[in-house]
Amino acid sequence: MPAINGRELGRRAHEIRPHLRILYMTGYSRNAVVHQGRLDEGVDLLEKPVTQAKLALKVREILDRAHD
């Protein structure tokens, strides 16, 4: 995306809709998005390549989780 990255887009969307559930997807190395071996709290990540089944399971997991 030109002029904005996914994390910034997610942050802005969350400001507008605090209960919005966001799933980040990346094709980059896990080291590029994971800090000291772990994701930031509350961040859901799916690494590419991804199958339809894996995507569906992750989306279902996120939707079933109680709102914070």
PDB file of N, CA and C in Angstrom:
ATOM      1  N   MET A   1       0.845  -1.173   0.000  1.00  0.00           N
ATOM      2  CA  MET A   1       0.000   0.000   0.000  1.00  0.00           C
ATOM      3  C   MET A   1       0.892   1.239   0.000  1.00  0.00           C
ATOM      4  N   PRO A   2       0.670   2.110  -0.924  1.00  0.00           N
ATOM      5  CA  PRO A   2       1.487   3.325  -0.932  1.00  0.00           C
ATOM      6  C   PRO A   2       1.100   4.258   0.209  1.00  0.00           C
ATOM      7  N   ALA A   3       2.079   4.869   0.813  1.00  0.00           N
ATOM      8  CA  ALA A   3       1.920   5.929   1.818  1.00  0.00           C
ATOM      9  C   ALA A   3       1.487   5.457   3.206  1.00  0.00           C
ATOM     10  N   ILE A   4       1.224   4.173   3.387  1.00  0.00           N
ATOM     11  CA  ILE A   4       0.834   3.677   4.710  1.00  0.00           C
ATOM     12  C   ILE A   4       1.144   2.183   4.775  1.00  0.00           C
ATOM     13  N   ASN A   5       1.535   1.714   5.950  1.00  0.00           N
ATOM     14  CA  ASN A   5       1.766   0.270   6.081  1.00  0.00           C
ATOM     15  C   ASN A   5       0.597  -0.365   6.832  1.00  0.00           C
ATOM     16  N   GLY A   6       0.576  -1.672   6.882  1.00  0.00           N
ATOM     17  CA  GLY A   6      -0.526  -2.400   7.491  1.00  0.00           C
ATOM     18  C   GLY A   6      -0.708  -2.112   8.970  1.00  0.00           C
ATOM     19  N   ARG A   7       0.381  -1.986   9.686  1.00  0.00           N
ATOM     20  CA  ARG A   7       0.272  -1.699  11.131  1.00  0.00           C
ATOM     21  C   ARG A   7      -0.360  -0.336  11.376  1.00  0.00           C
ATOM     22  N   GLU A   8       0.038   0.648  10.575  1.00  0.00           N
ATOM     23  CA  GLU A   8      -0.533   1.987  10.725  1.00  0.00           C
ATOM     24  C   GLU A   8      -2.009   1.985  10.340  1.00  0.00           C
ATOM     25  N   LEU A   9      -2.364   1.305   9.267  1.00  0.00           N
ATOM     26  CA  LEU A   9      -3.765   1.193   8.866  1.00  0.00           C
ATOM     27  C   LEU A   9      -4.574   0.532   9.975  1.00  0.00           C
ATOM     28  N   GLY A  10      -4.049  -0.532  10.548  1.00  0.00           N
ATOM     29  CA  GLY A  10      -4.732  -1.207  11.645  1.00  0.00           C
ATOM     30  C   GLY A  10      -4.905  -0.306  12.855  1.00  0.00           C
ATOM     31  N   ARG A  11      -3.870   0.460  13.183  1.00  0.00           N
ATOM     32  CA  ARG A  11      -3.941   1.381  14.313  1.00  0.00           C
ATOM     33  C   ARG A  11      -5.025   2.432  14.101  1.00  0.00           C
ATOM     34  N   ARG A  12      -5.066   2.987  12.901  1.00  0.00           N
ATOM     35  CA  ARG A  12      -6.073   4.015  12.600  1.00  0.00           C
ATOM     36  C   ARG A  12      -7.481   3.435  12.618  1.00  0.00           C
ATOM     37  N   ALA A  13      -7.642   2.243  12.050  1.00  0.00           N
ATOM     38  CA  ALA A  13      -8.955   1.592  12.044  1.00  0.00           C
ATOM     39  C   ALA A  13      -9.414   1.307  13.468  1.00  0.00           C
ATOM     40  N   HIS A  14      -8.486   0.882  14.314  1.00  0.00           N
ATOM     41  CA  HIS A  14      -8.814   0.577  15.706  1.00  0.00           C
ATOM     42  C   HIS A  14      -9.202   1.833  16.480  1.00  0.00           C
ATOM     43  N   GLU A  15      -8.619   2.976  16.134  1.00  0.00           N
ATOM     44  CA  GLU A  15      -9.011   4.241  16.768  1.00  0.00           C
ATOM     45  C   GLU A  15     -10.466   4.574  16.456  1.00  0.00           C
ATOM     46  N   ILE A  16     -10.881   4.303  15.226  1.00  0.00           N
ATOM     47  CA  ILE A  16     -12.247   4.608  14.792  1.00  0.00           C
ATOM     48  C   ILE A  16     -13.238   3.586  15.349  1.00  0.00           C
ATOM     49  N   ARG A  17     -12.838   2.321  15.332  1.00  0.00           N
ATOM     50  CA  ARG A  17     -13.696   1.226  15.801  1.00  0.00           C
ATOM     51  C   ARG A  17     -12.905   0.349  16.768  1.00  0.00           C
ATOM     52  N   PRO A  18     -12.941   0.679  18.046  1.00  0.00           N
ATOM     53  CA  PRO A  18     -12.109  -0.017  19.028  1.00  0.00           C
ATOM     54  C   PRO A  18     -12.332  -1.528  19.114  1.00  0.00           C
ATOM     55  N   HIS A  19     -13.507  -2.019  18.759  1.00  0.00           N
ATOM     56  CA  HIS A  19     -13.780  -3.458  18.843  1.00  0.00           C
ATOM     57  C   HIS A  19     -13.527  -4.186  17.527  1.00  0.00           C
ATOM     58  N   LEU A  20     -13.015  -3.473  16.543  1.00  0.00           N
ATOM     59  CA  LEU A  20     -12.700  -4.087  15.261  1.00  0.00           C
ATOM     60  C   LEU A  20     -11.614  -5.138  15.453  1.00  0.00           C
ATOM     61  N   ARG A  21     -11.817  -6.287  14.892  1.00  0.00           N
ATOM     62  CA  ARG A  21     -10.819  -7.346  14.982  1.00  0.00           C
ATOM     63  C   ARG A  21      -9.970  -7.307  13.721  1.00  0.00           C
ATOM     64  N   ILE A  22      -8.677  -7.326  13.903  1.00  0.00           N
ATOM     65  CA  ILE A  22      -7.751  -7.155  12.794  1.00  0.00           C
ATOM     66  C   ILE A  22      -6.844  -8.370  12.703  1.00  0.00           C
ATOM     67  N   LEU A  23      -6.722  -8.908  11.507  1.00  0.00           N
ATOM     68  CA  LEU A  23      -5.812 -10.017  11.225  1.00  0.00           C
ATOM     69  C   LEU A  23      -4.759  -9.507  10.263  1.00  0.00           C
ATOM     70  N   TYR A  24      -3.516  -9.522  10.701  1.00  0.00           N
ATOM     71  CA  TYR A  24      -2.405  -9.118   9.853  1.00  0.00           C
ATOM     72  C   TYR A  24      -1.911 -10.346   9.099  1.00  0.00           C
ATOM     73  N   MET A  25      -1.554 -10.135   7.847  1.00  0.00           N
ATOM     74  CA  MET A  25      -0.959 -11.193   7.034  1.00  0.00           C
ATOM     75  C   MET A  25       0.351 -10.666   6.487  1.00  0.00           C
ATOM     76  N   THR A  26       1.340 -11.537   6.434  1.00  0.00           N
ATOM     77  CA  THR A  26       2.631 -11.094   5.933  1.00  0.00           C
ATOM     78  C   THR A  26       3.305 -12.189   5.125  1.00  0.00           C
ATOM     79  N   GLY A  27       4.048 -11.762   4.165  1.00  0.00           N
ATOM     80  CA  GLY A  27       4.897 -12.658   3.396  1.00  0.00           C
ATOM     81  C   GLY A  27       6.350 -12.435   3.757  1.00  0.00           C
ATOM     82  N   TYR A  28       6.580 -11.469   4.660  1.00  0.00           N
ATOM     83  CA  TYR A  28       7.928 -11.167   5.112  1.00  0.00           C
ATOM     84  C   TYR A  28       8.379 -12.185   6.146  1.00  0.00           C
ATOM     85  N   SER A  29       9.652 -12.185   6.402  1.00  0.00           N
ATOM     86  CA  SER A  29      10.225 -13.028   7.437  1.00  0.00           C
ATOM     87  C   SER A  29       9.527 -12.765   8.762  1.00  0.00           C
ATOM     88  N   ARG A  30       9.332 -13.815   9.519  1.00  0.00           N
ATOM     89  CA  ARG A  30       8.721 -13.678  10.841  1.00  0.00           C
ATOM     90  C   ARG A  30       9.491 -12.669  11.692  1.00  0.00           C
ATOM     91  N   ASN A  31      10.795 -12.567  11.492  1.00  0.00           N
ATOM     92  CA  ASN A  31      11.610 -11.623  12.266  1.00  0.00           C
ATOM     93  C   ASN A  31      11.235 -10.172  12.004  1.00  0.00           C
ATOM     94  N   ALA A  32      10.614  -9.913  10.868  1.00  0.00           N
ATOM     95  CA  ALA A  32      10.244  -8.542  10.528  1.00  0.00           C
ATOM     96  C   ALA A  32       9.022  -8.060  11.315  1.00  0.00           C
ATOM     97  N   VAL A  33       8.218  -8.987  11.827  1.00  0.00           N
ATOM     98  CA  VAL A  33       6.993  -8.600  12.525  1.00  0.00           C
ATOM     99  C   VAL A  33       6.929  -9.096  13.963  1.00  0.00           C
ATOM    100  N   VAL A  34       7.835  -9.960  14.326  1.00  0.00           N
ATOM    101  CA  VAL A  34       7.855 -10.503  15.679  1.00  0.00           C
ATOM    102  C   VAL A  34       9.008  -9.862  16.433  1.00  0.00           C
ATOM    103  N   HIS A  35       8.736  -9.391  17.626  1.00  0.00           N
ATOM    104  CA  HIS A  35       9.745  -8.692  18.427  1.00  0.00           C
ATOM    105  C   HIS A  35      10.217  -9.590  19.567  1.00  0.00           C
ATOM    106  N   GLN A  36      11.481  -9.879  19.591  1.00  0.00           N
ATOM    107  CA  GLN A  36      12.084 -10.707  20.626  1.00  0.00           C
ATOM    108  C   GLN A  36      11.341 -12.027  20.800  1.00  0.00           C
ATOM    109  N   GLY A  37      10.962 -12.629  19.673  1.00  0.00           N
ATOM    110  CA  GLY A  37      10.329 -13.942  19.700  1.00  0.00           C
ATOM    111  C   GLY A  37       8.839 -13.953  19.962  1.00  0.00           C
ATOM    112  N   ARG A  38       8.215 -12.768  20.037  1.00  0.00           N
ATOM    113  CA  ARG A  38       6.772 -12.755  20.282  1.00  0.00           C
ATOM    114  C   ARG A  38       6.115 -11.566  19.603  1.00  0.00           C
ATOM    115  N   LEU A  39       4.836 -11.732  19.324  1.00  0.00           N
ATOM    116  CA  LEU A  39       4.043 -10.651  18.748  1.00  0.00           C
ATOM    117  C   LEU A  39       3.658  -9.669  19.838  1.00  0.00           C
ATOM    118  N   ASP A  40       3.359  -8.458  19.433  1.00  0.00           N
ATOM    119  CA  ASP A  40       2.812  -7.502  20.383  1.00  0.00           C
ATOM    120  C   ASP A  40       1.487  -8.049  20.909  1.00  0.00           C
ATOM    121  N   GLU A  41       1.155  -7.721  22.133  1.00  0.00           N
ATOM    122  CA  GLU A  41      -0.080  -8.199  22.736  1.00  0.00           C
ATOM    123  C   GLU A  41      -1.283  -7.792  21.897  1.00  0.00           C
ATOM    124  N   GLY A  42      -2.189  -8.734  21.684  1.00  0.00           N
ATOM    125  CA  GLY A  42      -3.417  -8.460  20.950  1.00  0.00           C
ATOM    126  C   GLY A  42      -3.279  -8.483  19.439  1.00  0.00           C
ATOM    127  N   VAL A  43      -2.116  -8.844  18.919  1.00  0.00           N
ATOM    128  CA  VAL A  43      -1.908  -8.870  17.470  1.00  0.00           C
ATOM    129  C   VAL A  43      -2.106 -10.289  16.952  1.00  0.00           C
ATOM    130  N   ASP A  44      -2.950 -10.416  15.942  1.00  0.00           N
ATOM    131  CA  ASP A  44      -3.154 -11.692  15.279  1.00  0.00           C
ATOM    132  C   ASP A  44      -2.430 -11.660  13.944  1.00  0.00           C
ATOM    133  N   LEU A  45      -1.660 -12.703  13.672  1.00  0.00           N
ATOM    134  CA  LEU A  45      -0.822 -12.743  12.480  1.00  0.00           C
ATOM    135  C   LEU A  45      -0.971 -14.076  11.779  1.00  0.00           C
ATOM    136  N   LEU A  46      -1.059 -14.025  10.481  1.00  0.00           N
ATOM    137  CA  LEU A  46      -1.073 -15.204   9.641  1.00  0.00           C
ATOM    138  C   LEU A  46       0.024 -15.014   8.597  1.00  0.00           C
ATOM    139  N   GLU A  47       0.913 -15.979   8.507  1.00  0.00           N
ATOM    140  CA  GLU A  47       2.026 -15.871   7.565  1.00  0.00           C
ATOM    141  C   GLU A  47       1.693 -16.532   6.240  1.00  0.00           C
ATOM    142  N   LYS A  48       2.063 -15.861   5.160  1.00  0.00           N
ATOM    143  CA  LYS A  48       1.880 -16.402   3.820  1.00  0.00           C
ATOM    144  C   LYS A  48       3.014 -17.360   3.511  1.00  0.00           C
ATOM    145  N   PRO A  49       2.825 -18.342   2.676  1.00  0.00           N
ATOM    146  CA  PRO A  49       1.577 -18.670   1.986  1.00  0.00           C
ATOM    147  C   PRO A  49       0.584 -19.297   2.957  1.00  0.00           C
ATOM    148  N   VAL A  50      -0.688 -19.135   2.657  1.00  0.00           N
ATOM    149  CA  VAL A  50      -1.747 -19.620   3.538  1.00  0.00           C
ATOM    150  C   VAL A  50      -2.789 -20.365   2.708  1.00  0.00           C
ATOM    151  N   THR A  51      -3.306 -21.418   3.275  1.00  0.00           N
ATOM    152  CA  THR A  51      -4.374 -22.168   2.596  1.00  0.00           C
ATOM    153  C   THR A  51      -5.720 -21.560   2.993  1.00  0.00           C
ATOM    154  N   GLN A  52      -6.746 -21.868   2.230  1.00  0.00           N
ATOM    155  CA  GLN A  52      -8.086 -21.387   2.576  1.00  0.00           C
ATOM    156  C   GLN A  52      -8.519 -21.939   3.925  1.00  0.00           C
ATOM    157  N   ALA A  53      -8.179 -23.184   4.189  1.00  0.00           N
ATOM    158  CA  ALA A  53      -8.554 -23.803   5.463  1.00  0.00           C
ATOM    159  C   ALA A  53      -7.883 -23.102   6.637  1.00  0.00           C
ATOM    160  N   LYS A  54      -6.610 -22.795   6.499  1.00  0.00           N
ATOM    161  CA  LYS A  54      -5.872 -22.120   7.570  1.00  0.00           C
ATOM    162  C   LYS A  54      -6.433 -20.714   7.806  1.00  0.00           C
ATOM    163  N   LEU A  55      -6.747 -20.016   6.729  1.00  0.00           N
ATOM    164  CA  LEU A  55      -7.341 -18.682   6.843  1.00  0.00           C
ATOM    165  C   LEU A  55      -8.691 -18.767   7.541  1.00  0.00           C
ATOM    166  N   ALA A  56      -9.523 -19.702   7.126  1.00  0.00           N
ATOM    167  CA  ALA A  56     -10.845 -19.856   7.726  1.00  0.00           C
ATOM    168  C   ALA A  56     -10.749 -20.164   9.218  1.00  0.00           C
ATOM    169  N   LEU A  57      -9.828 -21.033   9.602  1.00  0.00           N
ATOM    170  CA  LEU A  57      -9.650 -21.370  11.013  1.00  0.00           C
ATOM    171  C   LEU A  57      -9.213 -20.152  11.833  1.00  0.00           C
ATOM    172  N   LYS A  58      -8.305 -19.370  11.299  1.00  0.00           N
ATOM    173  CA  LYS A  58      -7.805 -18.196  12.015  1.00  0.00           C
ATOM    174  C   LYS A  58      -8.902 -17.141  12.149  1.00  0.00           C
ATOM    175  N   VAL A  59      -9.654 -16.912  11.090  1.00  0.00           N
ATOM    176  CA  VAL A  59     -10.750 -15.942  11.140  1.00  0.00           C
ATOM    177  C   VAL A  59     -11.790 -16.393  12.165  1.00  0.00           C
ATOM    178  N   ARG A  60     -12.134 -17.676  12.163  1.00  0.00           N
ATOM    179  CA  ARG A  60     -13.104 -18.206  13.122  1.00  0.00           C
ATOM    180  C   ARG A  60     -12.599 -18.025  14.552  1.00  0.00           C
ATOM    181  N   GLU A  61     -11.311 -18.298  14.782  1.00  0.00           N
ATOM    182  CA  GLU A  61     -10.698 -18.128  16.101  1.00  0.00           C
ATOM    183  C   GLU A  61     -10.830 -16.682  16.576  1.00  0.00           C
ATOM    184  N   ILE A  62     -10.551 -15.747  15.693  1.00  0.00           N
ATOM    185  CA  ILE A  62     -10.604 -14.336  16.042  1.00  0.00           C
ATOM    186  C   ILE A  62     -12.042 -13.886  16.304  1.00  0.00           C
ATOM    187  N   LEU A  63     -12.979 -14.327  15.471  1.00  0.00           N
ATOM    188  CA  LEU A  63     -14.376 -13.937  15.648  1.00  0.00           C
ATOM    189  C   LEU A  63     -14.983 -14.535  16.911  1.00  0.00           C
ATOM    190  N   ASP A  64     -14.538 -15.717  17.291  1.00  0.00           N
ATOM    191  CA  ASP A  64     -15.078 -16.374  18.479  1.00  0.00           C
ATOM    192  C   ASP A  64     -14.513 -15.820  19.776  1.00  0.00           C
ATOM    193  N   ARG A  65     -13.393 -15.143  19.704  1.00  0.00           N
ATOM    194  CA  ARG A  65     -12.771 -14.586  20.892  1.00  0.00           C
ATOM    195  C   ARG A  65     -13.625 -13.463  21.464  1.00  0.00           C
ATOM    196  N   ALA A  66     -13.746 -13.429  22.758  1.00  0.00           N
ATOM    197  CA  ALA A  66     -14.542 -12.369  23.413  1.00  0.00           C
ATOM    198  C   ALA A  66     -13.888 -11.011  23.172  1.00  0.00           C
ATOM    199  N   HIS A  67     -14.700  -9.983  23.087  1.00  0.00           N
ATOM    200  CA  HIS A  67     -14.175  -8.621  22.973  1.00  0.00           C
ATOM    201  C   HIS A  67     -13.383  -8.276  24.219  1.00  0.00           C
ATOM    202  N   ASP A  68     -12.302  -7.568  24.028  1.00  0.00           N
ATOM    203  CA  ASP A  68     -11.497  -7.121  25.178  1.00  0.00           C
ATOM    204  C   ASP A  68     -12.156  -5.950  25.865  1.00  0.00           C
TER     205      ASP A  68
END
